[in-house]
Structures are given as structure tokens and as C-alpha cells.
Protein backbone atom coordinates (compact mmCIF):
# COMPACT_ATOMS: atom_id res chain seq x y z
CA MET A 1 143.15 124.85 167.72
CA ARG A 2 144.71 121.45 168.32
CA ARG A 3 144.06 121.75 172.07
CA ILE A 4 140.42 122.76 171.43
CA LEU A 5 139.88 119.76 169.12
CA LYS A 6 141.35 117.46 171.76
CA LEU A 7 139.03 118.91 174.38
CA LEU A 8 135.98 118.56 172.13
CA THR A 9 136.78 114.89 171.51
CA SER A 10 137.80 114.13 175.09
CA ARG A 11 135.94 112.15 177.72
CA LEU A 12 134.82 115.42 179.29
CA MET A 13 132.56 116.08 176.32
CA ILE A 14 130.85 112.76 177.06
CA PHE A 15 130.67 113.10 180.83
CA VAL A 16 129.27 116.63 181.01
CA PRO A 17 126.19 116.00 178.80
CA LEU A 18 125.48 112.76 180.69
CA VAL A 19 125.63 114.53 184.04
CA ILE A 20 123.33 117.31 182.76
CA LEU A 21 120.92 114.68 181.41
CA GLN A 22 120.84 112.91 184.78
CA LEU A 23 120.07 116.17 186.55
CA ALA A 24 117.34 117.03 184.06
CA VAL A 25 115.69 113.61 184.53
CA LEU A 26 115.88 113.90 188.32
CA PHE A 27 114.37 117.37 188.42
CA SER A 28 111.68 116.32 185.94
CA ILE A 29 110.67 113.37 188.13
CA VAL A 30 110.51 115.53 191.26
CA TYR A 31 108.60 118.28 189.46
CA HIS A 32 105.97 115.96 187.96
CA ALA A 33 105.59 114.09 191.24
CA SER A 34 104.94 117.38 193.02
CA ILE A 35 102.11 118.15 190.56
CA VAL A 36 100.54 114.71 190.03
CA TYR A 37 100.68 113.61 193.66
CA SER A 38 100.28 117.10 195.19
CA ILE A 39 103.40 116.76 197.31
CA MET A 40 104.51 120.38 196.98
CA PRO A 41 103.59 121.10 200.64
CA ILE A 42 105.80 118.19 201.67
CA ILE A 43 108.66 119.55 199.58
CA GLN A 44 108.19 123.01 201.12
CA VAL A 45 108.23 121.60 204.66
CA THR A 46 111.29 119.56 203.75
CA ALA A 47 112.95 122.72 202.45
CA ILE A 48 112.31 124.52 205.75
CA VAL A 49 113.71 121.60 207.75
CA MET A 50 116.69 121.49 205.45
CA ILE A 51 117.33 125.23 205.94
CA ILE A 52 117.38 124.74 209.72
CA TYR A 53 119.87 121.90 209.24
CA ILE A 54 122.06 123.95 206.88
CA VAL A 55 122.15 127.02 209.15
CA ASN A 56 123.27 124.92 212.13
CA ARG A 57 126.05 123.09 210.28
CA GLN A 58 129.69 123.93 210.95
CA GLU A 59 130.27 125.32 207.47
CA ASP A 60 131.54 128.46 205.81
CA PRO A 61 128.80 131.16 206.07
CA SER A 62 128.89 131.96 202.34
CA TYR A 63 128.41 128.28 201.54
CA LYS A 64 125.37 128.10 203.82
CA ILE A 65 123.84 131.29 202.42
CA ALA A 66 124.18 130.05 198.84
CA TRP A 67 122.43 126.76 199.62
CA CYS A 68 119.66 128.53 201.55
CA CYS A 69 118.96 130.65 198.45
CA VAL A 70 118.80 127.57 196.22
CA VAL A 71 116.66 125.48 198.59
CA LEU A 72 114.18 128.26 199.45
CA GLY A 73 114.13 129.90 196.04
CA ALA A 74 113.48 126.72 194.04
CA PRO A 75 112.67 123.87 196.46
CA VAL A 76 111.71 121.43 193.69
CA ILE A 77 115.26 121.71 192.36
CA GLY A 78 117.05 122.76 195.55
CA VAL A 79 115.93 119.95 197.86
CA PRO A 80 117.10 117.01 195.71
CA LEU A 81 120.20 118.94 194.64
CA TYR A 82 121.24 119.51 198.24
CA LEU A 83 120.62 115.86 199.10
CA LEU A 84 122.91 114.90 196.22
CA ALA A 85 125.65 117.49 196.49
CA GLY A 86 125.06 119.83 199.41
CA ASN A 87 126.71 117.76 202.10
CA ARG A 88 130.30 118.58 201.23
CA LYS A 89 131.49 115.48 203.06
CA VAL A 90 134.09 113.57 201.08
CA PRO A 91 132.86 110.13 199.89
CA ARG A 92 133.68 107.11 202.03
CA LYS A 93 136.32 105.60 199.72
CA ILE A 94 138.41 108.76 199.52
CA ARG A 95 137.77 109.74 203.15
CA TYR A 96 138.74 106.48 204.80
CA GLY A 97 141.49 105.69 202.31
CA THR A 98 143.26 108.99 202.85
CA ILE A 99 142.60 109.09 206.61
CA ARG A 100 144.31 105.69 206.84
CA VAL A 101 147.22 107.16 204.94
CA ASP A 102 147.32 110.26 207.18
CA LYS A 103 147.71 108.00 210.22
CA GLU A 104 150.59 106.19 208.53
CA MET A 105 152.23 109.52 207.69
CA SER A 106 151.85 110.94 211.20
CA SER A 107 153.94 108.11 212.62
CA LEU A 108 156.76 108.94 210.20
CA LEU A 109 156.91 112.70 210.84
CA ASN A 110 157.93 113.87 214.30
CA PRO A 111 157.37 117.62 214.73
CA ASP A 112 159.77 119.22 217.20
CA GLU A 113 159.91 122.95 217.90
CA SER A 114 162.85 122.85 220.29
CA GLN A 115 165.30 123.99 217.57
CA LEU A 116 163.25 127.14 216.85
CA ASN A 117 163.56 130.57 218.43
CA GLU A 118 160.46 132.16 219.95
CA GLU A 119 159.40 133.96 216.76
CA GLY A 120 159.95 130.77 214.77
CA LYS A 121 157.85 128.77 217.22
CA ASN A 122 154.98 131.22 216.79
CA ILE A 123 155.17 131.08 212.99
CA PHE A 124 155.47 127.30 212.71
CA ARG A 125 153.34 126.22 215.68
CA TYR A 126 150.10 125.80 213.74
CA GLY A 127 151.76 123.43 211.28
CA ILE A 128 153.62 121.56 214.02
CA THR A 129 150.36 121.10 215.94
CA ASN A 130 148.91 119.49 212.82
CA GLY A 131 151.83 117.13 212.27
CA PHE A 132 154.12 119.09 209.92
CA PRO A 133 157.72 119.36 211.16
CA ALA A 134 159.88 122.43 210.66
CA TYR A 135 163.37 121.60 209.37
CA LYS A 136 166.69 123.44 209.64
CA ASN A 137 169.29 121.51 207.60
CA THR A 138 167.69 122.52 204.31
CA SER A 139 168.24 124.95 201.44
CA CYS A 140 166.05 126.13 198.58
CA GLN A 141 165.98 127.85 195.21
CA TYR A 142 163.03 129.92 194.00
CA TYR A 143 162.04 130.03 190.32
CA SER A 144 160.16 133.08 189.07
CA SER A 145 158.97 131.49 185.84
CA GLY A 146 157.99 128.11 184.43
CA GLU A 147 160.76 128.16 181.83
CA GLU A 148 163.39 128.87 184.50
CA TRP A 149 162.00 126.00 186.60
CA PHE A 150 161.71 123.43 183.80
CA LYS A 151 165.33 123.71 182.69
CA ASP A 152 166.64 123.03 186.20
CA TYR A 153 163.91 120.43 186.79
CA LEU A 154 165.12 118.27 183.90
CA GLU A 155 168.76 118.59 185.04
CA GLU A 156 167.89 117.41 188.55
CA LEU A 157 165.90 114.47 187.15
CA LYS A 158 168.97 113.41 185.17
CA LYS A 159 170.91 113.13 188.47
CA ALA A 160 168.45 110.59 189.96
CA LYS A 161 170.05 107.31 191.02
CA HIS A 162 167.29 105.54 192.95
CA PHE A 163 163.78 106.94 192.48
CA ILE A 164 161.70 109.77 191.03
CA LEU A 165 158.26 110.47 192.53
CA MET A 166 155.96 112.84 190.60
CA GLU A 167 152.46 114.13 191.28
CA PHE A 168 150.72 116.60 188.95
CA PHE A 169 147.24 118.00 188.47
CA ILE A 170 147.69 118.68 184.74
CA ILE A 171 149.71 116.82 182.12
CA VAL A 172 149.23 117.87 178.49
CA GLU A 173 150.87 116.41 175.41
CA GLY A 174 153.48 118.64 173.77
CA THR A 175 157.15 119.56 173.79
CA CYS A 176 157.29 119.82 177.57
CA LEU A 177 155.99 116.27 178.06
CA ASP A 178 158.19 114.92 175.25
CA GLN A 179 161.33 116.30 176.90
CA LEU A 180 160.26 114.96 180.28
CA LEU A 181 159.59 111.46 178.92
CA GLU A 182 162.95 111.44 177.16
CA VAL A 183 164.71 112.03 180.48
CA LEU A 184 162.49 109.58 182.38
CA GLY A 185 163.00 106.89 179.74
CA ALA A 186 166.78 107.18 180.09
CA LYS A 187 166.58 107.00 183.90
CA ILE A 188 164.31 103.94 183.81
CA LYS A 189 166.85 102.15 181.63
CA GLU A 190 169.44 102.94 184.31
CA GLY A 191 167.24 101.21 186.89
CA VAL A 192 165.67 104.28 188.49
CA ASP A 193 162.18 103.68 189.94
CA VAL A 194 159.76 106.25 188.44
CA LYS A 195 156.28 106.74 189.90
CA LEU A 196 153.58 109.16 188.76
CA ILE A 197 150.21 110.16 190.21
CA TYR A 198 147.99 112.27 187.98
CA ASP A 199 144.52 113.74 188.44
CA ASP A 200 142.01 112.36 185.94
CA PHE A 201 140.16 115.66 185.49
CA GLY A 202 143.31 117.72 185.05
CA CYS A 203 144.67 115.18 182.54
CA VAL A 204 141.38 114.66 180.69
CA THR A 205 142.98 115.52 177.33
CA LEU A 206 145.86 113.08 177.80
CA SER A 207 145.26 110.35 175.21
CA LYS A 208 145.09 106.62 175.92
CA ALA A 209 147.97 106.11 173.49
CA THR A 210 150.23 108.45 175.47
CA LYS A 211 149.28 106.83 178.77
CA LYS A 212 149.99 103.40 177.28
CA LYS A 213 153.35 104.63 175.99
CA MET A 214 154.26 105.97 179.44
CA ARG A 215 153.34 102.69 181.13
CA ASN A 216 155.22 100.66 178.54
CA MET A 217 158.29 102.79 179.27
CA GLY A 218 158.13 101.51 182.83
CA ILE A 219 156.50 104.46 184.62
CA ASP A 220 154.44 103.22 187.58
CA MET A 221 151.32 105.36 186.90
CA TYR A 222 148.18 105.82 188.96
CA CYS A 223 145.12 107.95 188.32
CA PHE A 224 143.50 109.89 191.15
CA ASN A 225 139.68 109.96 191.33
CA ARG A 226 138.79 108.68 187.88
CA LEU A 227 136.06 110.64 186.12
CA ARG A 228 132.69 108.94 185.91
CA PRO A 229 129.60 110.11 184.03
CA ALA A 230 127.55 110.46 187.21
CA PHE A 231 126.45 113.40 189.33
CA ILE A 232 128.31 112.59 192.54
CA ILE A 233 130.05 114.98 194.90
CA GLN A 234 133.21 112.85 194.71
CA MET A 235 133.97 114.37 191.31
CA ASN A 236 134.58 117.71 193.07
CA ASN A 237 137.57 116.42 195.03
CA ARG A 238 140.68 116.72 192.87
CA ASP A 239 144.40 116.18 193.45
CA HIS A 240 145.63 119.72 192.78
CA ARG A 241 149.11 119.08 194.21
CA LYS A 242 152.30 119.58 192.18
CA LEU A 243 155.35 117.90 193.61
CA THR A 244 158.39 115.88 192.58
CA VAL A 245 160.85 114.06 194.83
CA ILE A 246 164.25 112.79 193.69
CA ASP A 247 166.13 110.27 195.87
CA ASN A 248 164.77 111.89 199.06
CA SER A 249 167.38 114.57 198.43
CA VAL A 250 165.64 117.15 196.21
CA ALA A 251 161.97 118.14 195.94
CA PHE A 252 160.06 120.56 193.73
CA THR A 253 156.68 122.18 194.29
CA GLY A 254 154.77 125.30 193.23
CA GLY A 255 152.14 126.23 190.66
CA VAL A 256 153.67 124.63 187.56
CA ASN A 257 152.23 121.63 185.71
CA ILE A 258 153.53 119.61 182.76
CA SER A 259 152.23 121.60 179.80
CA ASP A 260 153.79 123.85 177.14
CA GLU A 261 151.85 126.92 178.27
CA TYR A 262 153.40 126.74 181.76
CA VAL A 263 156.87 127.20 180.26
CA ASN A 264 155.65 129.68 177.60
CA LEU A 265 156.31 127.45 174.61
CA ILE A 266 152.77 128.33 173.57
CA LYS A 267 150.67 131.35 174.50
CA ARG A 268 146.97 131.00 175.26
CA PHE A 269 146.45 133.89 177.69
CA GLY A 270 149.44 136.10 176.98
CA TYR A 271 152.58 135.49 179.03
CA TRP A 272 152.09 132.75 181.63
CA LYS A 273 153.55 133.94 184.95
CA ASP A 274 154.21 131.10 187.36
CA SER A 275 156.57 130.04 190.13
CA ALA A 276 158.18 127.00 191.72
CA ILE A 277 160.69 126.16 194.41
CA LYS A 278 163.40 123.51 194.81
CA ILE A 279 164.01 122.14 198.31
CA SER A 280 167.22 120.28 199.19
CA GLY A 281 168.11 118.61 202.47
CA GLU A 282 166.22 117.22 205.45
CA ALA A 283 162.85 118.85 204.64
CA VAL A 284 162.57 116.68 201.52
CA TRP A 285 161.55 113.75 203.73
CA SER A 286 158.19 115.43 204.36
CA PHE A 287 157.59 115.61 200.59
CA THR A 288 158.63 111.96 200.22
CA VAL A 289 156.11 110.93 202.88
CA MET A 290 153.52 113.25 201.32
CA PHE A 291 153.80 111.52 197.94
CA LEU A 292 153.98 107.98 199.34
CA GLY A 293 150.86 108.63 201.40
CA MET A 294 148.88 109.47 198.25
CA TYR A 295 150.58 106.60 196.43
CA SER A 296 149.44 104.19 199.16
CA TYR A 297 145.87 105.41 198.63
CA VAL A 298 145.75 105.25 194.82
CA LYS A 299 147.56 101.91 194.82
CA ASN A 300 145.28 100.64 197.59
CA GLY A 301 148.15 98.81 199.22
CA ASP A 302 150.87 99.07 201.82
CA VAL A 303 154.07 100.99 201.13
CA ASN A 304 157.46 100.49 202.74
CA TYR A 305 158.18 104.12 203.60
CA GLU A 306 161.60 103.38 205.07
CA LYS A 307 162.75 102.02 201.70
CA TYR A 308 162.59 105.60 200.41
CA ARG A 309 164.25 107.19 203.42
CA LEU A 310 167.62 107.58 201.79
CA PRO A 311 170.20 109.78 203.50
CA CYS A 312 170.03 113.25 201.98
CA GLU A 313 173.10 115.05 200.74
CA GLU A 314 174.59 117.76 202.94
CA THR A 315 173.46 121.24 202.01
CA GLU A 316 174.24 124.80 203.05
CA SER A 317 171.49 125.36 205.58
CA GLU A 318 169.79 128.71 205.97
CA GLY A 319 166.57 129.36 207.84
CA TYR A 320 163.70 126.96 208.46
CA PHE A 321 161.27 125.08 206.22
CA GLN A 322 157.88 123.52 206.86
CA PRO A 323 156.40 121.42 204.03
CA TYR A 324 152.67 120.80 204.45
CA SER A 325 149.73 119.19 202.71
CA ASP A 326 146.00 119.77 202.88
CA SER A 327 143.19 117.25 202.49
CA PRO A 328 139.40 117.71 202.34
CA THR A 329 139.02 114.42 204.23
CA ASP A 330 139.53 116.00 207.64
CA ASN A 331 138.12 119.02 209.42
CA GLU A 332 141.36 121.01 209.19
CA LEU A 333 141.61 123.71 206.50
CA VAL A 334 145.40 123.71 206.37
CA ALA A 335 145.94 125.74 203.17
CA LEU A 336 143.50 128.43 204.32
CA ALA A 337 145.02 128.52 207.80
CA MET A 338 148.56 128.79 206.41
CA HIS A 339 147.51 131.76 204.27
CA MET A 340 145.68 133.44 207.15
CA ASN A 341 148.61 132.82 209.49
CA MET A 342 150.84 134.73 207.09
CA VAL A 343 148.40 137.65 206.85
CA ASN A 344 147.81 137.81 210.61
CA ARG A 345 151.52 137.73 211.47
CA ALA A 346 152.59 140.37 208.95
CA ARG A 347 153.64 143.64 210.58
CA LYS A 348 155.04 145.64 207.64
CA TYR A 349 153.75 144.05 204.44
CA VAL A 350 152.21 140.93 202.92
CA TYR A 351 152.24 140.35 199.16
CA MET A 352 150.17 137.66 197.43
CA ASP A 353 150.15 136.08 193.96
CA THR A 354 146.97 134.25 193.01
CA PRO A 355 145.19 133.41 189.74
CA TYR A 356 141.78 133.49 191.44
CA LEU A 357 140.58 135.77 194.23
CA ILE A 358 137.44 134.05 195.50
CA LEU A 359 137.52 134.61 199.23
CA ASN A 360 135.49 133.32 202.13
CA GLU A 361 134.66 135.80 204.87
CA PRO A 362 137.42 134.93 207.41
CA ILE A 363 140.35 135.55 205.06
CA LYS A 364 138.63 138.56 203.52
CA GLN A 365 138.30 140.12 206.98
CA ALA A 366 141.89 139.20 207.83
CA LEU A 367 143.10 141.08 204.74
CA ILE A 368 140.91 144.09 205.56
CA LEU A 369 142.01 144.22 209.20
CA ALA A 370 145.67 143.95 208.20
CA ALA A 371 145.33 146.83 205.73
CA LYS A 372 143.44 148.99 208.22
CA GLY A 373 146.11 148.19 210.79
CA GLY A 374 148.81 149.74 208.63
CA VAL A 375 150.15 146.62 206.90
CA ASP A 376 150.96 147.08 203.21
CA VAL A 377 148.64 144.44 201.71
CA ARG A 378 149.01 143.82 197.96
CA ILE A 379 147.46 141.16 195.73
CA LEU A 380 148.46 140.36 192.15
CA THR A 381 145.83 138.71 189.93
CA PRO A 382 145.73 138.09 186.14
CA HIS A 383 144.62 140.69 183.64
CA ILE A 384 144.00 138.10 180.92
CA PRO A 385 141.73 135.39 182.38
CA ASP A 386 141.72 131.67 181.66
CA LYS A 387 138.09 131.35 182.82
CA VAL A 388 135.83 134.31 182.04
CA ILE A 389 133.14 133.63 184.66
CA VAL A 390 135.67 132.96 187.43
CA PHE A 391 137.45 136.18 186.42
CA GLN A 392 134.24 138.14 186.93
CA ILE A 393 133.91 136.63 190.41
CA THR A 394 137.53 137.55 191.14
CA ARG A 395 136.87 141.15 190.09
CA GLY A 396 133.68 141.12 192.13
CA ASN A 397 135.84 140.76 195.26
CA TYR A 398 137.90 143.88 194.51
CA TYR A 399 135.64 146.68 195.73
CA GLN A 400 135.41 145.89 199.43
CA LEU A 401 139.12 145.12 199.63
CA VAL A 402 140.31 148.23 197.77
CA LYS A 403 137.93 150.44 199.75
CA SER A 404 139.52 149.09 202.94
CA GLY A 405 143.07 149.82 201.82
CA VAL A 406 144.13 146.57 200.14
CA LYS A 407 146.04 147.24 196.91
CA ILE A 408 145.08 145.03 193.98
CA TYR A 409 147.01 144.77 190.74
CA GLU A 410 146.27 142.93 187.50
CA TYR A 411 149.23 141.45 185.64
CA THR A 412 148.82 143.03 182.21
CA PRO A 413 151.19 140.84 180.11
CA GLY A 414 148.98 137.80 180.64
CA PHE A 415 147.90 135.23 183.21
CA ASN A 416 149.31 135.10 186.73
CA HIS A 417 149.20 131.47 187.87
CA ALA A 418 151.72 131.82 190.74
CA LYS A 419 150.57 130.96 194.28
CA ASN A 420 152.96 132.83 196.58
CA PHE A 421 152.73 134.68 199.89
CA VAL A 422 155.62 136.76 201.23
CA ALA A 423 155.74 138.97 204.32
CA ASP A 424 158.14 141.25 206.21
CA ASP A 425 161.29 140.00 204.39
CA MET A 426 161.20 137.00 206.74
CA MET A 427 158.58 134.45 205.69
CA ALA A 428 157.02 133.13 202.50
CA ILE A 429 154.81 130.37 201.14
CA VAL A 430 155.18 128.71 197.75
CA GLY A 431 152.62 126.03 196.93
CA SER A 432 149.74 124.74 194.86
CA ALA A 433 146.76 126.36 196.62
CA ASN A 434 144.85 129.27 195.08
CA MET A 435 142.94 131.82 197.12
CA ASP A 436 139.58 130.25 196.30
CA TYR A 437 136.94 127.87 197.61
CA ARG A 438 138.12 124.86 195.64
CA SER A 439 141.66 124.99 197.01
CA TYR A 440 140.55 125.79 200.54
CA PHE A 441 137.66 123.31 200.85
CA LEU A 442 137.65 120.68 198.09
CA HIS A 443 141.13 119.96 196.71
CA PHE A 444 144.18 118.11 197.92
CA GLU A 445 146.94 120.75 198.09
CA ASN A 446 150.52 121.18 199.25
CA GLY A 447 153.10 123.86 199.88
CA VAL A 448 156.12 124.90 201.92
CA LEU A 449 156.51 127.68 204.48
CA LEU A 450 159.94 129.39 204.50
CA TYR A 451 161.34 131.48 207.35
CA ASP A 452 164.57 133.47 207.65
CA ASN A 453 165.92 132.46 204.23
CA LYS A 454 167.42 134.70 201.54
CA GLU A 455 165.08 133.27 198.88
CA VAL A 456 162.25 135.09 200.69
CA LEU A 457 163.78 138.31 199.37
CA LYS A 458 163.88 136.85 195.87
CA ILE A 459 160.16 136.09 196.09
CA ARG A 460 159.53 139.65 197.30
CA ASP A 461 161.62 141.19 194.51
CA ASN A 462 159.90 139.06 191.87
CA PHE A 463 156.53 140.31 193.12
CA LEU A 464 157.58 143.95 193.04
CA GLU A 465 159.06 143.56 189.55
CA SER A 466 155.75 142.09 188.38
CA LEU A 467 153.90 145.13 189.74
CA GLU A 468 155.87 147.32 187.34
CA LYS A 469 154.14 145.47 184.48
CA SER A 470 150.73 145.54 186.16
CA HIS A 471 147.73 147.83 186.46
CA GLU A 472 146.69 148.98 189.91
CA VAL A 473 142.94 148.75 190.35
CA THR A 474 141.63 152.02 191.77
CA LEU A 475 138.54 152.72 193.82
CA GLU A 476 137.43 155.27 191.23
CA GLU A 477 137.30 152.74 188.38
CA LEU A 478 135.50 150.22 190.60
CA GLU A 479 132.85 152.80 191.46
CA ASN A 480 132.32 153.50 187.75
CA ILE A 481 131.51 149.89 186.83
CA SER A 482 128.11 149.62 185.16
CA LEU A 483 125.12 148.37 187.15
CA PRO A 484 124.53 145.25 184.97
CA VAL A 485 128.13 144.12 185.50
CA ARG A 486 127.84 144.71 189.25
CA LEU A 487 124.64 142.68 189.40
CA LEU A 488 126.21 139.86 187.39
CA ARG A 489 129.21 139.70 189.70
CA ALA A 490 127.00 139.84 192.78
CA VAL A 491 124.89 136.90 191.59
CA LEU A 492 127.95 134.87 190.54
CA ASN A 493 129.66 135.59 193.84
CA LEU A 494 126.65 134.26 195.72
CA PHE A 495 126.72 130.85 194.09
CA ILE A 496 130.45 130.24 193.68
CA PRO A 497 130.66 128.25 196.97
CA LEU A 498 128.37 125.64 195.37
CA VAL A 499 130.72 124.91 192.48
């Protein structure tokens, strides 16, 4: 109830009505102009020209189909809406700011595949080609729940001697944040430099008083992409990354945010299943650069990267690690490609955790081809949803996959928020990206690819243990779904690329 009251009194409850009002005024002006000045033929011709333009763009086919339906079906609304939001190009400020940062980062990371064997080169080559090194002198620890992660997370923060760099999509007031601030406050008093980047949409319920308290403590805080009550495509681009770096020696990433529900102190959608990973050793430098790149953008100033390049502690090395990040400001769909690379390279099995299953055609076909080729393809989604409409779209993707041999399970104890891939007992991905359009096309994301490390088996075992508490979705039950529900899912699935 307290969370609902906060949401109802938050800035979001001001912004959303204002955006809707702006859209209503715009459509009203266009509609009345089309009647009074008889410009409907012009709008129709414009719609046809726009369709030709959309079809010939280098975009995801589902995205193009959805816009064609809107523009042709309701040109009075569709034409101005596409002009406002249809060109999914990231706004100039974010685009050029982050591209500048990417160039800075590329000079600090030097991918080298000479240390890899032939199989390793094949697995890591895509990332290396795009500027993400693969590291050897690194170790890791996988966490199969938020509560397991948070306990160790606080202990590692207490060991910080120089700096703590944090980046989160969601921060919510509660016990989790209180405990974190207690640790950070103590470290700041010891002279540790603490920096935090938070997404304004994800932290919309975080009060001004709490932000002021955090700044007064000495936390160097920056907000990514501040919400504005205007209908602009920029509001779609969010910082969905979750990462923490401590002294360039230890880094954390995964699906977890700073909120009580992530560590199951409160229950909103049953048991919250999540995951995280701790990286120690040389690979942490990529996470340090990753954070400082975003920090340089939100601060709008230069950063001395070398200042943070502290020598990392020696660690028991096993396998290889490739941290990576994804940005909507370039033409490279890194998170999507990393997921597809895992599916395409699997020979025995590939298991996936995802809260949302909203697939574009390339990855859907990759999953189908893998299953038909004899690979054991399994996907674990939630049984208790956090967003009802999105859940219907997720379920709308089941039929074609299950019919083709993909096994889909719903986690019955609650909500599965983990974002893991694991294949063939040899490789795995733990990161922030969901299997949906927003993560693949609109959000800033990050993750790490593991190869030939024992924690891969831990990720596999955690997945299989979760299946024991889950319901396998059968083809029979999918074929018995009522016609109205099928129609609803079909319509929703058509327009989800526009969200």
C-alpha cells in the first residue's frame, strides 16, 4: 500500500497525464485541419510515402509492420505519431554524448584473442570485434538469489579502500537502501570516493528528501535521462544497467536492483527469483571503464580513467570472461547478438531465464532452428507477472516455440527476474538484458560472457532446480486457449515494438 501511495503521488502521475494531453491536442489539431481545410487526401498521400520509407528502412520487420498498420489504419493519428516517435533514432544529446564516450572507452580496452584456443576465439570473436576484450586472470561467483547476493555485496563494499562505483536502474526506499546507505556512509567517512548513476524513470518513486540525504552524505550522484512531461522519443531510452565496481578489483552485475522485493524482504509477486555475479581480477577493468564512460556522459565532463586503474588483487583464475555493454546510440545490437551467439553455438542444450519473452523474428527463428536441430532449448518465465499486459504478450509467444520443440516453463512460486543464458556446460551469460524489444533496441544494458568456468555449472544447476518448482507449458493447453484471449494476444503482440 505504501508503495502504491508513493507511485500515485510521484512525478510519474504528473508526467503521464501531461503527455496524454499533448497527444490529444496534437491529434485534435490534425483531425480538425483535415476536415476544415480538406487536407485528408494530402494526409493519405503522405501516409503512402511514409509506408514506402518505413518498408525500406533497416529496421526490425516486426517494428516496420506495426508502424505500417498504424499509419495506414489511422493516418490522421499515425502520420504525426510516426513523425514524433517512429524514427527510433536516439536524440542528438544522448547519441553524440555517448558516442564520444564510446570512443574514449575503445582507446582504453585492447581486445586480444591470442590467449584463446580455437573454440574460445569463435565464442568471443563477436565481442572482440566490437571492442570487448576477453580476460583470463579472473574469477567469479554466481548468486542464485537476491538475498544471497546482497549479503555478500555489503561485505565487499565494506572492504573498499579507494572508490565505489554504482549504477542501477531501480532504487526504492526501504530496508535494503537503508543498509546500503549505512555502509556507504561509513566508507565515505573513511575517505572512499562513492559515485552513483541512477535512471530517473526507474527511480521515479525515490523522494527528493532521500536524494538530498544521499548527496549530503557525500555520494556523487547523477541522474540519467531526467523525465520530462513531453512526448519525445528520448524518454524511451533508459539506463537499464546494474553494475558496481570496487577499487577496480571486484565488480557485480546481474538482474538485481536496490529494492526490498529483490532480496525478498517484501513480496509483491510471490517469491522474487533473481541472479547476480561477482567478478574478481583483470576483467573488472572493463566494468570500471563501462561505468566511467557513462559517468563522463552524465557529468558532461572529462574523466581521468587512469586514476581508477588500480592494480587488481591476484585471484585464482579459471576460464575466460568477456564483460560487455550495449547502447542504442550505435547500429550494433550487442545484447541481442550475444544472446543469439549463445543459441547458435549450443550443441547439446541452451537454458534461458527471462522475465519477459517478447522476441523479434531473428532470435525466435534461432531458437526454433536450434530445437529442431536437436538442441535441448528451455526457457523459464514467471508464473506471477509484474505487468499483466506484458505477461499476455509473453504468453502469446509460447505457441510457435512450443510447437517447434522449445520447452517453456513458468516459475510457479512467483516472478522470475533473472537474465541468464547457459549452454553445453561450457558457456554462460549473466547480465541486465531481458529477451524483449526494450532491452534489445532501446535500453543501455550490460553483461558478462563466461567460458570454461565451474560457475557455469552452478548456473545450470540453479536453472534445473528452478524447473522442479515450475509448470511446463504444453502444446495441448496452448491449443485450448479461448479465441478472445488468442485475439487479444495477437493484437498486443503486433504493437509491442512501438512501446
